[in-house]
Amino acid sequence: MEYVVSIDERGRVLIPGEVRRRVGLKGRSRVLVRVREDGVIELVPLEKLFSEVSKIFEEKFRGWREEEHEASRILEDLVR
């Protein structure tokens, strides 16, 4: 799936509706903007990133629980 989009005078890019629906972006969603070494810009939905990081944490720390741990708070803040 590829689209040509424009950047307005304030630097905003409109992500086509089909793309937003496919990746689950809704109004007020947050994305990570990543600039690769080769100059390519990537947008990663934070929900997806949070999900991937959560799976890794679950595997590495299976059975370990600490509700007030700083890492738990940081992960929760990422999806807000």
N, C-alpha and C. Protein backbone atom coordinates (compact mmCIF):
# COMPACT_ATOMS: atom_id res chain seq x y z
N MET A 1 0.85 -1.16 0.00
CA MET A 1 0.00 0.00 0.00
C MET A 1 0.90 1.23 0.00
N GLU A 2 0.74 2.07 -0.98
CA GLU A 2 1.53 3.31 -1.06
C GLU A 2 0.62 4.46 -1.44
N TYR A 3 0.89 5.63 -0.87
CA TYR A 3 0.13 6.84 -1.17
C TYR A 3 1.10 8.00 -1.29
N VAL A 4 0.76 8.96 -2.11
CA VAL A 4 1.49 10.22 -2.15
C VAL A 4 0.64 11.21 -1.36
N VAL A 5 1.24 11.82 -0.35
CA VAL A 5 0.52 12.79 0.47
C VAL A 5 1.29 14.10 0.47
N SER A 6 0.62 15.16 0.88
CA SER A 6 1.25 16.48 0.93
C SER A 6 1.56 16.87 2.36
N ILE A 7 2.53 17.74 2.50
CA ILE A 7 2.86 18.33 3.79
C ILE A 7 2.40 19.78 3.73
N ASP A 8 1.58 20.22 4.70
CA ASP A 8 1.11 21.60 4.65
C ASP A 8 2.16 22.57 5.18
N GLU A 9 1.84 23.85 5.16
CA GLU A 9 2.81 24.88 5.53
C GLU A 9 3.24 24.81 7.00
N ARG A 10 2.49 24.08 7.82
CA ARG A 10 2.85 23.91 9.23
C ARG A 10 3.56 22.59 9.48
N GLY A 11 3.85 21.82 8.41
CA GLY A 11 4.57 20.56 8.54
C GLY A 11 3.70 19.36 8.82
N ARG A 12 2.39 19.51 8.71
CA ARG A 12 1.47 18.40 8.99
C ARG A 12 1.27 17.53 7.76
N VAL A 13 1.13 16.24 8.03
CA VAL A 13 0.88 15.26 6.98
C VAL A 13 -0.47 14.62 7.26
N LEU A 14 -1.31 14.53 6.23
CA LEU A 14 -2.59 13.87 6.38
C LEU A 14 -2.41 12.39 6.02
N ILE A 15 -2.68 11.52 6.98
CA ILE A 15 -2.58 10.08 6.74
C ILE A 15 -3.93 9.63 6.19
N PRO A 16 -3.95 9.03 5.00
CA PRO A 16 -5.22 8.62 4.39
C PRO A 16 -6.04 7.71 5.30
N GLY A 17 -7.37 7.84 5.22
CA GLY A 17 -8.29 7.07 6.06
C GLY A 17 -8.07 5.57 5.97
N GLU A 18 -7.82 5.06 4.77
CA GLU A 18 -7.61 3.62 4.62
C GLU A 18 -6.40 3.15 5.42
N VAL A 19 -5.35 3.96 5.43
CA VAL A 19 -4.14 3.62 6.19
C VAL A 19 -4.45 3.67 7.68
N ARG A 20 -5.14 4.73 8.13
CA ARG A 20 -5.47 4.85 9.55
C ARG A 20 -6.32 3.67 10.02
N ARG A 21 -7.31 3.28 9.23
CA ARG A 21 -8.15 2.14 9.61
C ARG A 21 -7.33 0.85 9.67
N ARG A 22 -6.46 0.66 8.70
CA ARG A 22 -5.67 -0.58 8.63
C ARG A 22 -4.76 -0.75 9.85
N VAL A 23 -4.18 0.35 10.34
CA VAL A 23 -3.26 0.25 11.48
C VAL A 23 -3.91 0.64 12.81
N GLY A 24 -5.21 0.98 12.79
CA GLY A 24 -5.93 1.26 14.02
C GLY A 24 -5.72 2.64 14.61
N LEU A 25 -5.35 3.62 13.78
CA LEU A 25 -5.19 4.99 14.27
C LEU A 25 -6.54 5.69 14.30
N LYS A 26 -6.81 6.37 15.40
CA LYS A 26 -8.03 7.16 15.53
C LYS A 26 -7.63 8.57 15.95
N GLY A 27 -8.58 9.46 16.03
CA GLY A 27 -8.29 10.82 16.47
C GLY A 27 -7.55 10.82 17.79
N ARG A 28 -6.55 11.61 17.90
CA ARG A 28 -5.72 11.76 19.10
C ARG A 28 -4.78 10.57 19.33
N SER A 29 -4.67 9.64 18.37
CA SER A 29 -3.70 8.56 18.49
C SER A 29 -2.30 9.15 18.49
N ARG A 30 -1.37 8.41 19.06
CA ARG A 30 0.02 8.87 19.10
C ARG A 30 0.88 7.90 18.29
N VAL A 31 1.87 8.46 17.60
CA VAL A 31 2.79 7.64 16.81
C VAL A 31 4.22 8.04 17.14
N LEU A 32 5.11 7.08 16.98
CA LEU A 32 6.53 7.33 17.11
C LEU A 32 7.05 7.69 15.72
N VAL A 33 7.77 8.79 15.59
CA VAL A 33 8.39 9.17 14.33
C VAL A 33 9.85 8.76 14.41
N ARG A 34 10.25 7.87 13.52
CA ARG A 34 11.60 7.33 13.52
C ARG A 34 12.27 7.73 12.20
N VAL A 35 13.47 8.32 12.28
CA VAL A 35 14.24 8.66 11.09
C VAL A 35 15.40 7.69 11.00
N ARG A 36 15.39 6.89 9.95
CA ARG A 36 16.45 5.90 9.78
C ARG A 36 17.71 6.56 9.22
N GLU A 37 18.81 5.82 9.30
CA GLU A 37 20.10 6.31 8.80
C GLU A 37 20.05 6.67 7.32
N ASP A 38 19.19 5.95 6.56
CA ASP A 38 19.10 6.20 5.11
C ASP A 38 18.13 7.33 4.77
N GLY A 39 17.64 8.06 5.79
CA GLY A 39 16.77 9.21 5.56
C GLY A 39 15.30 8.88 5.43
N VAL A 40 14.93 7.63 5.57
CA VAL A 40 13.53 7.22 5.49
C VAL A 40 12.84 7.52 6.82
N ILE A 41 11.63 8.07 6.74
CA ILE A 41 10.85 8.38 7.93
C ILE A 41 9.83 7.26 8.13
N GLU A 42 9.77 6.74 9.35
CA GLU A 42 8.81 5.70 9.69
C GLU A 42 7.87 6.23 10.77
N LEU A 43 6.61 5.89 10.66
CA LEU A 43 5.63 6.19 11.70
C LEU A 43 5.20 4.88 12.31
N VAL A 44 5.34 4.75 13.63
CA VAL A 44 4.97 3.51 14.32
C VAL A 44 3.89 3.86 15.34
N PRO A 45 2.69 3.28 15.19
CA PRO A 45 1.64 3.54 16.19
C PRO A 45 2.13 3.11 17.58
N LEU A 46 2.00 3.97 18.58
CA LEU A 46 2.46 3.63 19.92
C LEU A 46 1.71 2.43 20.49
N GLU A 47 0.46 2.25 20.10
CA GLU A 47 -0.29 1.07 20.55
C GLU A 47 0.43 -0.19 20.12
N LYS A 48 0.90 -0.23 18.87
CA LYS A 48 1.61 -1.40 18.34
C LYS A 48 2.93 -1.58 19.08
N LEU A 49 3.66 -0.48 19.25
CA LEU A 49 4.94 -0.54 19.95
C LEU A 49 4.74 -1.01 21.39
N PHE A 50 3.73 -0.48 22.05
CA PHE A 50 3.43 -0.87 23.42
C PHE A 50 3.11 -2.35 23.49
N SER A 51 2.34 -2.84 22.53
CA SER A 51 1.97 -4.25 22.49
C SER A 51 3.21 -5.13 22.34
N GLU A 52 4.12 -4.74 21.44
CA GLU A 52 5.34 -5.52 21.22
C GLU A 52 6.23 -5.53 22.46
N VAL A 53 6.39 -4.36 23.08
CA VAL A 53 7.22 -4.26 24.28
C VAL A 53 6.58 -5.04 25.42
N SER A 54 5.26 -4.98 25.52
CA SER A 54 4.56 -5.73 26.57
C SER A 54 4.80 -7.22 26.45
N LYS A 55 4.76 -7.74 25.23
CA LYS A 55 5.00 -9.17 25.01
C LYS A 55 6.40 -9.56 25.47
N ILE A 56 7.38 -8.73 25.15
CA ILE A 56 8.76 -9.01 25.56
C ILE A 56 8.86 -9.01 27.08
N PHE A 57 8.26 -7.99 27.74
CA PHE A 57 8.29 -7.91 29.19
C PHE A 57 7.60 -9.13 29.80
N GLU A 58 6.46 -9.53 29.24
CA GLU A 58 5.73 -10.67 29.77
C GLU A 58 6.56 -11.94 29.71
N GLU A 59 7.27 -12.13 28.59
CA GLU A 59 8.11 -13.31 28.46
C GLU A 59 9.29 -13.29 29.43
N LYS A 60 9.94 -12.15 29.56
CA LYS A 60 11.13 -12.06 30.39
C LYS A 60 10.80 -12.06 31.88
N PHE A 61 9.67 -11.48 32.24
CA PHE A 61 9.33 -11.32 33.66
C PHE A 61 8.05 -12.07 34.03
N ARG A 62 7.80 -13.20 33.38
CA ARG A 62 6.62 -14.00 33.66
C ARG A 62 6.56 -14.33 35.16
N GLY A 63 5.42 -14.02 35.75
CA GLY A 63 5.24 -14.33 37.16
C GLY A 63 5.68 -13.23 38.11
N TRP A 64 6.46 -12.26 37.64
CA TRP A 64 6.92 -11.17 38.49
C TRP A 64 5.92 -10.03 38.44
N ARG A 65 5.48 -9.57 39.58
CA ARG A 65 4.50 -8.47 39.63
C ARG A 65 4.92 -7.46 40.68
N GLU A 66 4.88 -6.21 40.31
CA GLU A 66 5.12 -5.12 41.25
C GLU A 66 4.37 -3.92 40.72
N GLU A 67 3.19 -3.68 41.26
CA GLU A 67 2.28 -2.67 40.75
C GLU A 67 2.88 -1.26 40.71
N GLU A 68 3.67 -0.91 41.69
CA GLU A 68 4.18 0.45 41.78
C GLU A 68 5.57 0.61 41.17
N HIS A 69 6.02 -0.35 40.39
CA HIS A 69 7.35 -0.28 39.80
C HIS A 69 7.40 0.81 38.73
N GLU A 70 8.51 1.53 38.65
CA GLU A 70 8.67 2.63 37.69
C GLU A 70 8.46 2.17 36.25
N ALA A 71 8.94 0.99 35.87
CA ALA A 71 8.78 0.49 34.51
C ALA A 71 7.30 0.33 34.16
N SER A 72 6.49 -0.11 35.09
CA SER A 72 5.06 -0.26 34.86
C SER A 72 4.42 1.08 34.58
N ARG A 73 4.80 2.09 35.36
CA ARG A 73 4.25 3.44 35.17
C ARG A 73 4.67 4.02 33.82
N ILE A 74 5.91 3.82 33.43
CA ILE A 74 6.40 4.35 32.15
C ILE A 74 5.63 3.72 31.00
N LEU A 75 5.44 2.41 31.01
CA LEU A 75 4.69 1.74 29.96
C LEU A 75 3.26 2.23 29.89
N GLU A 76 2.62 2.44 31.04
CA GLU A 76 1.25 2.94 31.05
C GLU A 76 1.18 4.34 30.47
N ASP A 77 2.16 5.19 30.75
CA ASP A 77 2.18 6.56 30.25
C ASP A 77 2.33 6.60 28.72
N LEU A 78 3.01 5.63 28.15
CA LEU A 78 3.23 5.61 26.71
C LEU A 78 1.94 5.53 25.92
N VAL A 79 0.95 4.84 26.42
CA VAL A 79 -0.29 4.66 25.67
C VAL A 79 -1.33 5.71 25.99
N ARG A 80 -1.04 6.61 26.85
CA ARG A 80 -2.01 7.68 27.16
C ARG A 80 -1.93 8.79 26.15
